[in-house]
Amino acid sequence: ASVRAYELAARSWLREALKSAGAIMLEPIMKVEVVTPEDDTGSIIGDLTSRRGQVTGQETRGNAIAINCFVPLANMFGYINNLRSMSSGRANFTMQFDHYEGVPQNISEEIQAKFA
């Protein structure tokens, strides 16, 4: 048997072992705060929600609104460009790692199919 045959057998065995053990794929969830002028709040919350974000609250800061939410890191790449275009460059954001969470089943299956 060749090295490639052993590699394929090990890969197949590992997939089956993970499936039978009930393993789940985890993703990093970021704590995000967006500070924006009040008139852009609706479109920014809509964009965060479309990125699988969970808005936890908002508060007034002077003439701006601070939106707090949790968003998967994978959905935050390129966010600054969208945020700047939605707010005409007036909004900014900060994010930091918060916790890991299970990837939704449909996305997990898509990722696994890509790397099968």
N, C-alpha and C. Protein backbone atom coordinates (compact mmCIF):
# COMPACT_ATOMS: atom_id res chain seq x y z
N ALA A 1 0.84 -1.18 0.00
CA ALA A 1 0.00 0.00 0.00
C ALA A 1 0.89 1.25 0.00
N SER A 2 0.37 2.27 -0.62
CA SER A 2 1.15 3.50 -0.75
C SER A 2 0.87 4.45 0.42
N VAL A 3 1.68 5.47 0.51
CA VAL A 3 1.49 6.50 1.54
C VAL A 3 0.15 7.18 1.33
N ARG A 4 -0.20 7.42 0.08
CA ARG A 4 -1.48 8.09 -0.24
C ARG A 4 -2.66 7.25 0.24
N ALA A 5 -2.60 5.94 0.11
CA ALA A 5 -3.69 5.07 0.56
C ALA A 5 -3.87 5.17 2.07
N TYR A 6 -2.76 5.20 2.81
CA TYR A 6 -2.85 5.35 4.26
C TYR A 6 -3.43 6.71 4.64
N GLU A 7 -3.03 7.74 3.92
CA GLU A 7 -3.55 9.08 4.19
C GLU A 7 -5.06 9.13 3.96
N LEU A 8 -5.54 8.57 2.87
CA LEU A 8 -6.97 8.56 2.58
C LEU A 8 -7.74 7.74 3.61
N ALA A 9 -7.19 6.61 4.02
CA ALA A 9 -7.85 5.78 5.03
C ALA A 9 -7.93 6.52 6.37
N ALA A 10 -6.86 7.18 6.76
CA ALA A 10 -6.85 7.93 8.01
C ALA A 10 -7.83 9.09 7.97
N ARG A 11 -7.91 9.77 6.86
CA ARG A 11 -8.84 10.89 6.70
C ARG A 11 -10.28 10.41 6.83
N SER A 12 -10.59 9.28 6.16
CA SER A 12 -11.92 8.71 6.22
C SER A 12 -12.27 8.27 7.65
N TRP A 13 -11.32 7.61 8.32
CA TRP A 13 -11.54 7.16 9.68
C TRP A 13 -11.80 8.35 10.60
N LEU A 14 -11.02 9.42 10.46
CA LEU A 14 -11.17 10.59 11.31
C LEU A 14 -12.54 11.24 11.11
N ARG A 15 -12.98 11.37 9.88
CA ARG A 15 -14.31 11.94 9.61
C ARG A 15 -15.40 11.14 10.30
N GLU A 16 -15.33 9.83 10.17
CA GLU A 16 -16.34 8.97 10.80
C GLU A 16 -16.27 9.05 12.32
N ALA A 17 -15.09 9.09 12.88
CA ALA A 17 -14.93 9.18 14.33
C ALA A 17 -15.50 10.49 14.86
N LEU A 18 -15.22 11.59 14.17
CA LEU A 18 -15.74 12.89 14.60
C LEU A 18 -17.26 12.92 14.50
N LYS A 19 -17.80 12.36 13.43
CA LYS A 19 -19.25 12.34 13.25
C LYS A 19 -19.93 11.51 14.33
N SER A 20 -19.39 10.33 14.63
CA SER A 20 -20.01 9.46 15.62
C SER A 20 -19.83 10.01 17.04
N ALA A 21 -18.82 10.81 17.27
CA ALA A 21 -18.60 11.41 18.59
C ALA A 21 -19.47 12.65 18.80
N GLY A 22 -20.11 13.13 17.74
CA GLY A 22 -20.95 14.33 17.86
C GLY A 22 -20.15 15.62 17.93
N ALA A 23 -18.96 15.62 17.34
CA ALA A 23 -18.11 16.81 17.36
C ALA A 23 -18.78 17.95 16.59
N ILE A 24 -18.60 19.15 17.07
CA ILE A 24 -19.13 20.32 16.36
C ILE A 24 -18.00 21.28 16.04
N MET A 25 -18.18 22.04 14.98
CA MET A 25 -17.21 23.04 14.56
C MET A 25 -17.49 24.33 15.33
N LEU A 26 -16.44 24.94 15.87
CA LEU A 26 -16.58 26.19 16.61
C LEU A 26 -16.02 27.35 15.80
N GLU A 27 -16.55 28.54 16.07
CA GLU A 27 -16.03 29.75 15.42
C GLU A 27 -15.87 30.84 16.47
N PRO A 28 -14.89 31.73 16.27
CA PRO A 28 -14.71 32.84 17.22
C PRO A 28 -15.81 33.88 17.04
N ILE A 29 -16.36 34.33 18.17
CA ILE A 29 -17.39 35.36 18.18
C ILE A 29 -16.77 36.62 18.77
N MET A 30 -16.93 37.72 18.05
CA MET A 30 -16.33 38.98 18.44
C MET A 30 -17.37 39.88 19.10
N LYS A 31 -16.94 40.61 20.12
CA LYS A 31 -17.77 41.66 20.72
C LYS A 31 -17.49 42.92 19.91
N VAL A 32 -18.52 43.47 19.30
CA VAL A 32 -18.37 44.60 18.38
C VAL A 32 -19.15 45.80 18.92
N GLU A 33 -18.51 46.96 18.85
CA GLU A 33 -19.20 48.21 19.18
C GLU A 33 -19.05 49.15 17.99
N VAL A 34 -20.19 49.60 17.47
CA VAL A 34 -20.20 50.54 16.35
C VAL A 34 -20.73 51.87 16.87
N VAL A 35 -20.00 52.94 16.64
CA VAL A 35 -20.43 54.29 17.02
C VAL A 35 -20.76 55.02 15.73
N THR A 36 -22.01 55.47 15.61
CA THR A 36 -22.49 56.03 14.37
C THR A 36 -23.44 57.19 14.61
N PRO A 37 -23.55 58.12 13.65
CA PRO A 37 -24.59 59.14 13.76
C PRO A 37 -25.97 58.47 13.79
N GLU A 38 -26.89 59.10 14.48
CA GLU A 38 -28.22 58.51 14.71
C GLU A 38 -28.96 58.15 13.42
N ASP A 39 -28.81 58.95 12.37
CA ASP A 39 -29.57 58.70 11.14
C ASP A 39 -29.11 57.46 10.38
N ASP A 40 -27.95 56.89 10.69
CA ASP A 40 -27.47 55.68 10.01
C ASP A 40 -27.71 54.41 10.83
N THR A 41 -28.30 54.54 12.00
CA THR A 41 -28.45 53.41 12.92
C THR A 41 -29.20 52.23 12.30
N GLY A 42 -30.31 52.48 11.65
CA GLY A 42 -31.13 51.40 11.08
C GLY A 42 -30.39 50.57 10.05
N SER A 43 -29.71 51.23 9.11
CA SER A 43 -29.00 50.49 8.07
C SER A 43 -27.80 49.72 8.65
N ILE A 44 -27.16 50.27 9.68
CA ILE A 44 -26.03 49.58 10.28
C ILE A 44 -26.49 48.36 11.07
N ILE A 45 -27.58 48.48 11.81
CA ILE A 45 -28.12 47.32 12.53
C ILE A 45 -28.54 46.24 11.53
N GLY A 46 -29.15 46.64 10.42
CA GLY A 46 -29.54 45.69 9.39
C GLY A 46 -28.34 44.96 8.81
N ASP A 47 -27.25 45.68 8.59
CA ASP A 47 -26.04 45.06 8.06
C ASP A 47 -25.43 44.10 9.07
N LEU A 48 -25.39 44.49 10.33
CA LEU A 48 -24.85 43.60 11.36
C LEU A 48 -25.68 42.32 11.48
N THR A 49 -26.98 42.45 11.41
CA THR A 49 -27.86 41.29 11.45
C THR A 49 -27.63 40.37 10.26
N SER A 50 -27.40 40.94 9.09
CA SER A 50 -27.15 40.12 7.90
C SER A 50 -25.82 39.37 8.01
N ARG A 51 -24.94 39.82 8.89
CA ARG A 51 -23.66 39.14 9.13
C ARG A 51 -23.78 38.15 10.29
N ARG A 52 -24.98 37.74 10.61
CA ARG A 52 -25.29 36.84 11.73
C ARG A 52 -24.97 37.47 13.07
N GLY A 53 -25.04 38.79 13.13
CA GLY A 53 -24.78 39.50 14.38
C GLY A 53 -25.99 39.49 15.29
N GLN A 54 -25.74 39.49 16.60
CA GLN A 54 -26.80 39.56 17.60
C GLN A 54 -26.62 40.87 18.36
N VAL A 55 -27.50 41.81 18.08
CA VAL A 55 -27.43 43.13 18.73
C VAL A 55 -27.88 42.97 20.18
N THR A 56 -27.04 43.44 21.11
CA THR A 56 -27.35 43.31 22.53
C THR A 56 -27.82 44.62 23.15
N GLY A 57 -27.66 45.72 22.43
CA GLY A 57 -28.13 46.98 22.97
C GLY A 57 -27.53 48.17 22.24
N GLN A 58 -28.06 49.32 22.56
CA GLN A 58 -27.53 50.57 22.02
C GLN A 58 -27.72 51.67 23.05
N GLU A 59 -26.83 52.65 22.98
CA GLU A 59 -26.89 53.76 23.92
C GLU A 59 -26.50 55.04 23.22
N THR A 60 -27.02 56.14 23.71
CA THR A 60 -26.72 57.45 23.14
C THR A 60 -25.42 57.96 23.73
N ARG A 61 -24.57 58.48 22.85
CA ARG A 61 -23.32 59.13 23.28
C ARG A 61 -23.23 60.47 22.57
N GLY A 62 -23.66 61.49 23.26
CA GLY A 62 -23.68 62.82 22.64
C GLY A 62 -24.67 62.83 21.48
N ASN A 63 -24.18 63.12 20.28
CA ASN A 63 -25.06 63.12 19.11
C ASN A 63 -24.87 61.83 18.28
N ALA A 64 -24.31 60.79 18.90
CA ALA A 64 -24.09 59.52 18.21
C ALA A 64 -24.76 58.39 18.99
N ILE A 65 -24.85 57.24 18.33
CA ILE A 65 -25.40 56.03 18.93
C ILE A 65 -24.30 54.97 18.95
N ALA A 66 -24.14 54.30 20.09
CA ALA A 66 -23.20 53.17 20.20
C ALA A 66 -24.03 51.89 20.16
N ILE A 67 -23.76 51.04 19.17
CA ILE A 67 -24.47 49.78 19.00
C ILE A 67 -23.54 48.66 19.47
N ASN A 68 -24.01 47.84 20.39
CA ASN A 68 -23.22 46.72 20.90
C ASN A 68 -23.80 45.41 20.37
N CYS A 69 -22.93 44.52 19.92
CA CYS A 69 -23.40 43.25 19.38
C CYS A 69 -22.29 42.21 19.38
N PHE A 70 -22.67 40.97 19.09
CA PHE A 70 -21.75 39.86 18.92
C PHE A 70 -21.86 39.39 17.48
N VAL A 71 -20.71 39.25 16.80
CA VAL A 71 -20.69 38.87 15.38
C VAL A 71 -19.58 37.84 15.17
N PRO A 72 -19.84 36.78 14.38
CA PRO A 72 -18.77 35.83 14.07
C PRO A 72 -17.63 36.53 13.32
N LEU A 73 -16.40 36.21 13.69
CA LEU A 73 -15.23 36.84 13.07
C LEU A 73 -15.23 36.67 11.56
N ALA A 74 -15.63 35.50 11.07
CA ALA A 74 -15.61 35.24 9.63
C ALA A 74 -16.46 36.24 8.85
N ASN A 75 -17.46 36.83 9.50
CA ASN A 75 -18.35 37.77 8.82
C ASN A 75 -17.93 39.22 9.00
N MET A 76 -16.81 39.46 9.66
CA MET A 76 -16.36 40.83 9.89
C MET A 76 -15.27 41.28 8.92
N PHE A 77 -14.75 40.37 8.10
CA PHE A 77 -13.71 40.76 7.15
C PHE A 77 -14.29 41.73 6.13
N GLY A 78 -13.64 42.86 5.92
CA GLY A 78 -14.11 43.87 4.98
C GLY A 78 -15.21 44.75 5.53
N TYR A 79 -15.53 44.62 6.82
CA TYR A 79 -16.64 45.38 7.40
C TYR A 79 -16.41 46.88 7.35
N ILE A 80 -15.18 47.31 7.56
CA ILE A 80 -14.91 48.74 7.61
C ILE A 80 -15.31 49.44 6.31
N ASN A 81 -15.12 48.77 5.18
CA ASN A 81 -15.52 49.37 3.90
C ASN A 81 -17.03 49.57 3.82
N ASN A 82 -17.80 48.57 4.23
CA ASN A 82 -19.26 48.69 4.23
C ASN A 82 -19.72 49.77 5.21
N LEU A 83 -19.11 49.77 6.39
CA LEU A 83 -19.50 50.74 7.41
C LEU A 83 -19.24 52.17 6.93
N ARG A 84 -18.10 52.39 6.34
CA ARG A 84 -17.77 53.74 5.87
C ARG A 84 -18.72 54.18 4.75
N SER A 85 -19.07 53.27 3.84
CA SER A 85 -19.97 53.66 2.75
C SER A 85 -21.39 53.89 3.27
N MET A 86 -21.84 53.12 4.25
CA MET A 86 -23.19 53.31 4.80
C MET A 86 -23.32 54.62 5.57
N SER A 87 -22.21 55.07 6.19
CA SER A 87 -22.27 56.25 7.05
C SER A 87 -21.55 57.45 6.46
N SER A 88 -21.17 57.38 5.19
CA SER A 88 -20.40 58.45 4.56
C SER A 88 -19.11 58.74 5.33
N GLY A 89 -18.52 57.70 5.89
CA GLY A 89 -17.24 57.84 6.60
C GLY A 89 -17.35 58.37 8.00
N ARG A 90 -18.55 58.50 8.55
CA ARG A 90 -18.71 59.10 9.87
C ARG A 90 -18.73 58.09 11.02
N ALA A 91 -18.92 56.81 10.74
CA ALA A 91 -19.01 55.79 11.79
C ALA A 91 -17.66 55.08 11.95
N ASN A 92 -17.46 54.52 13.13
CA ASN A 92 -16.30 53.67 13.34
C ASN A 92 -16.69 52.52 14.25
N PHE A 93 -15.81 51.53 14.36
CA PHE A 93 -16.14 50.39 15.20
C PHE A 93 -14.89 49.84 15.87
N THR A 94 -15.12 49.10 16.95
CA THR A 94 -14.07 48.35 17.61
C THR A 94 -14.58 46.93 17.78
N MET A 95 -13.65 45.99 17.81
CA MET A 95 -14.05 44.61 18.07
C MET A 95 -12.95 43.91 18.84
N GLN A 96 -13.37 42.96 19.66
CA GLN A 96 -12.43 42.14 20.41
C GLN A 96 -13.03 40.76 20.57
N PHE A 97 -12.15 39.77 20.70
CA PHE A 97 -12.61 38.40 20.87
C PHE A 97 -13.41 38.29 22.16
N ASP A 98 -14.53 37.52 22.10
CA ASP A 98 -15.34 37.31 23.29
C ASP A 98 -15.43 35.83 23.67
N HIS A 99 -15.83 34.97 22.73
CA HIS A 99 -15.99 33.55 23.04
C HIS A 99 -16.08 32.73 21.76
N TYR A 100 -16.12 31.41 21.91
CA TYR A 100 -16.36 30.51 20.77
C TYR A 100 -17.80 30.03 20.84
N GLU A 101 -18.36 29.75 19.66
CA GLU A 101 -19.74 29.27 19.56
C GLU A 101 -19.81 28.26 18.43
N GLY A 102 -20.75 27.34 18.50
CA GLY A 102 -20.92 26.36 17.44
C GLY A 102 -21.35 27.00 16.13
N VAL A 103 -20.79 26.52 15.03
CA VAL A 103 -21.16 27.01 13.69
C VAL A 103 -22.52 26.42 13.34
N PRO A 104 -23.44 27.19 12.78
CA PRO A 104 -24.74 26.63 12.36
C PRO A 104 -24.54 25.45 11.41
N GLN A 105 -25.44 24.47 11.50
CA GLN A 105 -25.31 23.21 10.76
C GLN A 105 -25.13 23.42 9.25
N ASN A 106 -25.92 24.31 8.65
CA ASN A 106 -25.82 24.51 7.19
C ASN A 106 -24.46 25.06 6.77
N ILE A 107 -23.90 25.95 7.58
CA ILE A 107 -22.59 26.51 7.26
C ILE A 107 -21.49 25.47 7.51
N SER A 108 -21.64 24.69 8.57
CA SER A 108 -20.68 23.63 8.87
C SER A 108 -20.63 22.62 7.72
N GLU A 109 -21.79 22.23 7.22
CA GLU A 109 -21.84 21.27 6.10
C GLU A 109 -21.20 21.86 4.84
N GLU A 110 -21.42 23.14 4.61
CA GLU A 110 -20.82 23.81 3.44
C GLU A 110 -19.29 23.82 3.54
N ILE A 111 -18.77 24.11 4.73
CA ILE A 111 -17.32 24.13 4.94
C ILE A 111 -16.74 22.73 4.77
N GLN A 112 -17.41 21.74 5.34
CA GLN A 112 -16.93 20.37 5.24
C GLN A 112 -16.94 19.88 3.80
N ALA A 113 -17.95 20.26 3.03
CA ALA A 113 -18.02 19.85 1.63
C ALA A 113 -16.89 20.49 0.82
N LYS A 114 -16.53 21.71 1.17
CA LYS A 114 -15.47 22.41 0.47
C LYS A 114 -14.11 21.73 0.66
N PHE A 115 -13.89 21.18 1.86
CA PHE A 115 -12.60 20.59 2.18
C PHE A 115 -12.61 19.05 2.15
N ALA A 116 -13.68 18.47 1.62
CA ALA A 116 -13.76 17.00 1.58
C ALA A 116 -12.82 16.41 0.56
